[in-house]
Structure formats: structure tokens, C-alpha cells
N, C-alpha and C. Protein backbone atom coordinates (compact mmCIF):
# COMPACT_ATOMS: atom_id res chain seq x y z
N MET A 1 13.89 45.23 49.14
CA MET A 1 14.19 43.50 49.65
C MET A 1 13.56 43.86 47.72
N PRO A 2 15.55 43.24 47.17
CA PRO A 2 14.92 42.90 46.00
C PRO A 2 14.32 41.13 45.82
N LYS A 3 13.73 41.47 44.63
CA LYS A 3 13.40 40.28 44.43
C LYS A 3 13.77 38.67 44.15
N ALA A 4 14.19 37.56 44.91
CA ALA A 4 14.86 36.81 44.50
C ALA A 4 14.32 36.34 42.41
N MET A 5 15.72 35.56 42.14
CA MET A 5 15.47 35.28 41.17
C MET A 5 14.90 33.65 41.47
N THR A 6 14.58 33.06 40.11
CA THR A 6 13.80 31.89 40.22
C THR A 6 15.59 31.08 39.44
N VAL A 7 15.09 29.55 39.53
CA VAL A 7 15.56 28.89 38.45
C VAL A 7 15.81 29.30 37.22
N VAL A 8 14.68 29.24 36.29
CA VAL A 8 14.41 29.53 34.94
C VAL A 8 16.01 31.23 35.29
N ASP A 9 15.56 31.96 35.80
CA ASP A 9 15.47 33.24 35.28
C ASP A 9 17.92 33.27 35.52
N ALA A 10 17.62 32.88 36.92
CA ALA A 10 19.29 32.43 37.02
C ALA A 10 19.82 31.82 35.58
N VAL A 11 19.25 30.53 35.15
CA VAL A 11 20.00 30.16 33.98
C VAL A 11 20.35 30.31 32.73
N THR A 12 19.00 31.27 32.92
CA THR A 12 18.84 32.38 31.49
C THR A 12 19.29 33.72 31.51
N ALA A 13 20.02 34.08 32.81
CA ALA A 13 20.61 35.50 32.87
C ALA A 13 22.49 35.19 32.73
N HIS A 14 22.34 33.35 33.12
CA HIS A 14 23.86 33.15 32.78
C HIS A 14 24.28 32.71 31.30
N ALA A 15 22.85 32.01 30.51
CA ALA A 15 23.42 31.60 29.03
C ALA A 15 22.86 32.98 27.90
N THR A 16 22.75 34.10 29.09
CA THR A 16 22.27 35.19 27.83
C THR A 16 24.69 35.73 28.08
N TRP A 17 24.86 35.94 29.84
CA TRP A 17 26.28 36.34 29.57
C TRP A 17 27.16 35.31 29.18
N LEU A 18 27.38 34.47 29.26
CA LEU A 18 28.19 33.03 28.51
C LEU A 18 27.97 33.80 26.50
N ARG A 19 26.30 34.43 26.28
CA ARG A 19 26.58 33.95 25.07
C ARG A 19 26.91 35.76 24.58
N ASP A 20 26.38 36.27 25.41
CA ASP A 20 27.00 38.26 24.96
C ASP A 20 27.32 39.09 24.97
N GLY A 21 27.84 38.44 27.08
CA GLY A 21 28.54 39.34 27.91
C GLY A 21 27.54 40.44 28.52
N THR A 22 25.83 39.94 28.49
CA THR A 22 25.29 40.94 29.16
C THR A 22 25.27 40.40 30.14
N ILE A 23 25.48 41.47 31.59
CA ILE A 23 25.49 40.46 32.60
C ILE A 23 24.42 41.60 33.22
N LEU A 24 23.31 40.50 34.04
CA LEU A 24 22.53 40.81 34.89
C LEU A 24 23.24 41.94 36.36
N MET A 25 22.94 42.63 36.74
CA MET A 25 23.67 43.28 38.15
C MET A 25 22.55 43.74 38.74
N PRO A 26 22.85 43.01 40.30
CA PRO A 26 21.73 43.91 41.13
C PRO A 26 21.80 44.94 42.05
N GLU A 27 20.54 45.04 42.10
CA GLU A 27 19.94 46.39 42.35
C GLU A 27 20.70 46.62 43.39
N ASN A 28 20.73 48.30 43.22
CA ASN A 28 21.34 49.14 44.27
C ASN A 28 22.54 49.28 44.48
N LEU A 29 23.57 49.02 43.77
CA LEU A 29 25.14 48.70 43.53
C LEU A 29 25.11 49.82 43.61
N SER A 30 27.02 50.70 44.15
CA SER A 30 27.70 51.71 43.84
C SER A 30 27.84 51.45 43.03
N PRO A 31 28.33 52.59 41.74
CA PRO A 31 29.32 52.97 40.77
C PRO A 31 30.23 51.66 40.92
N SER A 32 31.78 52.03 42.05
CA SER A 32 32.52 51.34 42.16
C SER A 32 31.95 49.88 42.22
N GLY A 33 31.15 49.34 43.05
CA GLY A 33 30.68 48.10 42.76
C GLY A 33 30.48 47.49 41.91
N GLU A 34 29.61 47.30 40.98
CA GLU A 34 29.29 47.59 39.73
C GLU A 34 30.06 47.34 38.53
N TYR A 35 31.39 47.99 38.86
CA TYR A 35 32.87 47.87 38.28
C TYR A 35 33.12 47.11 38.15
N LEU A 36 33.07 46.47 40.09
CA LEU A 36 34.37 45.34 40.38
C LEU A 36 33.20 44.30 39.50
N ILE A 37 32.05 44.46 39.79
CA ILE A 37 31.46 43.31 39.32
C ILE A 37 31.43 42.78 37.45
N ARG A 38 30.92 43.79 37.22
CA ARG A 38 31.75 43.72 35.56
C ARG A 38 32.90 43.29 35.22
N ASP A 39 34.27 43.81 35.45
CA ASP A 39 35.25 43.55 35.39
C ASP A 39 35.69 42.39 35.95
N SER A 40 35.41 41.72 36.49
CA SER A 40 35.32 40.29 37.31
C SER A 40 34.98 39.45 36.02
N LEU A 41 33.78 39.56 36.42
CA LEU A 41 32.97 38.68 35.38
C LEU A 41 33.76 38.59 34.05
N THR A 42 33.88 39.14 33.18
CA THR A 42 34.12 40.17 31.51
C THR A 42 35.03 38.92 31.60
N ASP A 43 36.02 39.15 33.09
CA ASP A 43 37.26 38.10 33.36
C ASP A 43 37.00 36.44 32.73
N LEU A 44 35.94 36.56 33.96
CA LEU A 44 35.35 35.11 33.88
C LEU A 44 34.99 34.71 32.94
N ARG A 45 34.37 35.30 31.38
CA ARG A 45 33.12 34.87 31.09
C ARG A 45 34.94 34.61 29.85
N SER A 46 35.71 35.12 29.98
CA SER A 46 36.79 34.74 28.44
C SER A 46 37.45 34.50 29.14
N LEU A 47 37.72 33.72 29.85
CA LEU A 47 38.70 32.10 30.42
C LEU A 47 37.44 30.70 30.74
N VAL A 48 36.44 30.81 31.11
CA VAL A 48 35.22 29.61 30.86
C VAL A 48 35.45 29.53 29.22
N LEU A 49 35.00 30.47 28.73
CA LEU A 49 34.46 30.59 27.37
C LEU A 49 36.17 30.08 26.59
N ASP A 50 37.45 30.49 27.55
CA ASP A 50 38.48 29.36 26.47
C ASP A 50 38.64 27.66 27.19
N MET A 51 38.21 28.22 27.63
CA MET A 51 38.69 26.45 28.68
C MET A 51 36.79 25.01 27.86
N LEU A 52 36.61 25.65 27.77
CA LEU A 52 35.11 24.95 27.17
C LEU A 52 35.11 23.88 26.46
N PRO A 53 36.23 24.73 25.24
CA PRO A 53 36.19 23.37 23.54
C PRO A 53 36.90 21.94 24.61
N ARG A 54 37.40 22.70 25.50
CA ARG A 54 38.47 21.14 26.26
C ARG A 54 37.33 20.32 26.78
N PHE A 55 36.00 20.61 27.33
CA PHE A 55 35.20 19.44 27.13
C PHE A 55 34.66 19.18 26.42
N ARG A 56 34.31 18.73 25.15
CA ARG A 56 34.31 18.84 23.91
C ARG A 56 33.40 16.89 23.75
N GLY A 57 32.27 16.48 24.51
CA GLY A 57 32.36 15.11 24.76
C GLY A 57 31.91 14.78 25.84
N CYS A 58 32.15 15.44 26.22
CA CYS A 58 32.13 15.19 28.43
C CYS A 58 30.48 15.56 28.44
N ASN A 59 30.77 15.33 29.81
CA ASN A 59 29.06 15.23 30.36
C ASN A 59 29.67 15.67 31.74
N PHE A 60 28.85 16.72 31.61
CA PHE A 60 29.26 17.71 33.07
C PHE A 60 28.27 17.26 34.36
N ALA A 61 28.70 17.45 35.51
CA ALA A 61 27.96 16.63 36.56
C ALA A 61 27.13 17.85 37.65
N CYS A 62 25.88 17.91 38.75
CA CYS A 62 25.77 19.45 38.86
C CYS A 62 24.58 18.47 40.08
N TRP A 63 24.49 19.51 40.82
CA TRP A 63 22.93 19.10 42.10
C TRP A 63 21.86 20.05 41.40
N CYS A 64 21.46 20.27 40.29
CA CYS A 64 20.28 21.00 39.51
C CYS A 64 19.01 19.31 40.14
N ARG A 65 17.69 19.62 40.01
CA ARG A 65 16.61 18.19 40.09
C ARG A 65 17.20 17.90 38.93
N PRO A 66 16.55 16.65 38.38
CA PRO A 66 16.36 15.94 37.10
C PRO A 66 15.26 17.00 36.49
N GLY A 67 15.73 17.34 35.27
CA GLY A 67 14.52 18.25 34.38
C GLY A 67 14.55 19.39 34.12
N SER A 68 14.86 19.98 35.69
CA SER A 68 14.52 21.37 35.62
C SER A 68 16.02 22.47 34.65
N PRO A 69 15.96 23.69 34.75
CA PRO A 69 17.20 23.81 33.61
C PRO A 69 18.18 23.97 34.77
N CYS A 70 19.16 23.78 34.10
CA CYS A 70 20.75 24.02 34.65
C CYS A 70 21.79 24.99 33.85
N HIS A 71 22.49 25.33 35.28
CA HIS A 71 24.26 26.18 34.16
C HIS A 71 24.44 24.83 33.21
N ALA A 72 24.95 23.98 33.95
CA ALA A 72 25.83 22.67 32.96
C ALA A 72 25.33 22.37 31.88
N ASP A 73 23.55 22.32 31.87
CA ASP A 73 23.36 22.49 30.83
C ASP A 73 23.32 23.30 29.15
N THR A 74 23.73 24.82 30.20
CA THR A 74 24.34 25.25 29.09
C THR A 74 25.84 25.39 28.44
N LEU A 75 26.68 24.89 29.20
CA LEU A 75 27.57 25.01 29.53
C LEU A 75 28.68 23.61 28.18
N MET A 76 27.12 22.90 28.70
CA MET A 76 27.37 21.20 27.32
C MET A 76 27.18 21.62 26.54
N ARG A 77 26.17 22.29 26.22
CA ARG A 77 25.50 23.13 24.50
C ARG A 77 27.22 24.22 23.69
N ILE A 78 27.32 24.64 24.68
CA ILE A 78 28.52 25.60 24.75
C ILE A 78 29.28 24.65 23.47
N ALA A 79 29.97 24.05 24.97
CA ALA A 79 31.54 22.92 24.96
C ALA A 79 31.24 22.38 23.24
N ASN A 80 29.66 21.41 23.45
CA ASN A 80 29.33 21.01 21.82
C ASN A 80 28.80 21.14 21.06
N GLY A 81 29.06 22.45 21.33
CA GLY A 81 28.29 23.39 19.70
C GLY A 81 29.27 23.69 18.87
């Protein structure tokens, strides 16, 4: 059984994906499954990065525990960077 990602692992993988397109793939994927994931996430990354400038100066909300790593923090940093 694959090891579950921690919150830090997930937020780090998300930030890396947004920064340079590196995708952390699940283990034991078929080649066709890997292709589908890679293709979908590449399209999604472009969409997210294209939309983020619209949110400059906005606050993002989520359900993460205050003080813990959060995907919204990554998105706000990029939008306001």
C-alpha cells in the first residue's frame, strides 16, 4: 500500500506543480493512466496560472487548520507575486 501524503507533502507538491509543471504521480499507474493524468493536469495548470492575476489583492479562504500549510497560501503568493 502506498504511503499517504502529509499536508506538507501535498502543499509542496502543489507549489512545485504550479511553479514548474512537475507532477508527482501516484505509484503503479498504467502508461495510459499516467498520460491521462499528465495531460489533464497540464491543462489545469495553464488555466489556474492564467486566472490567478485576476485575484491579485484578494484573500483566499479554505478549511485548513490555521497555521498549517495550505494550498490557498500558495495560490495567493502567486497571484500577488
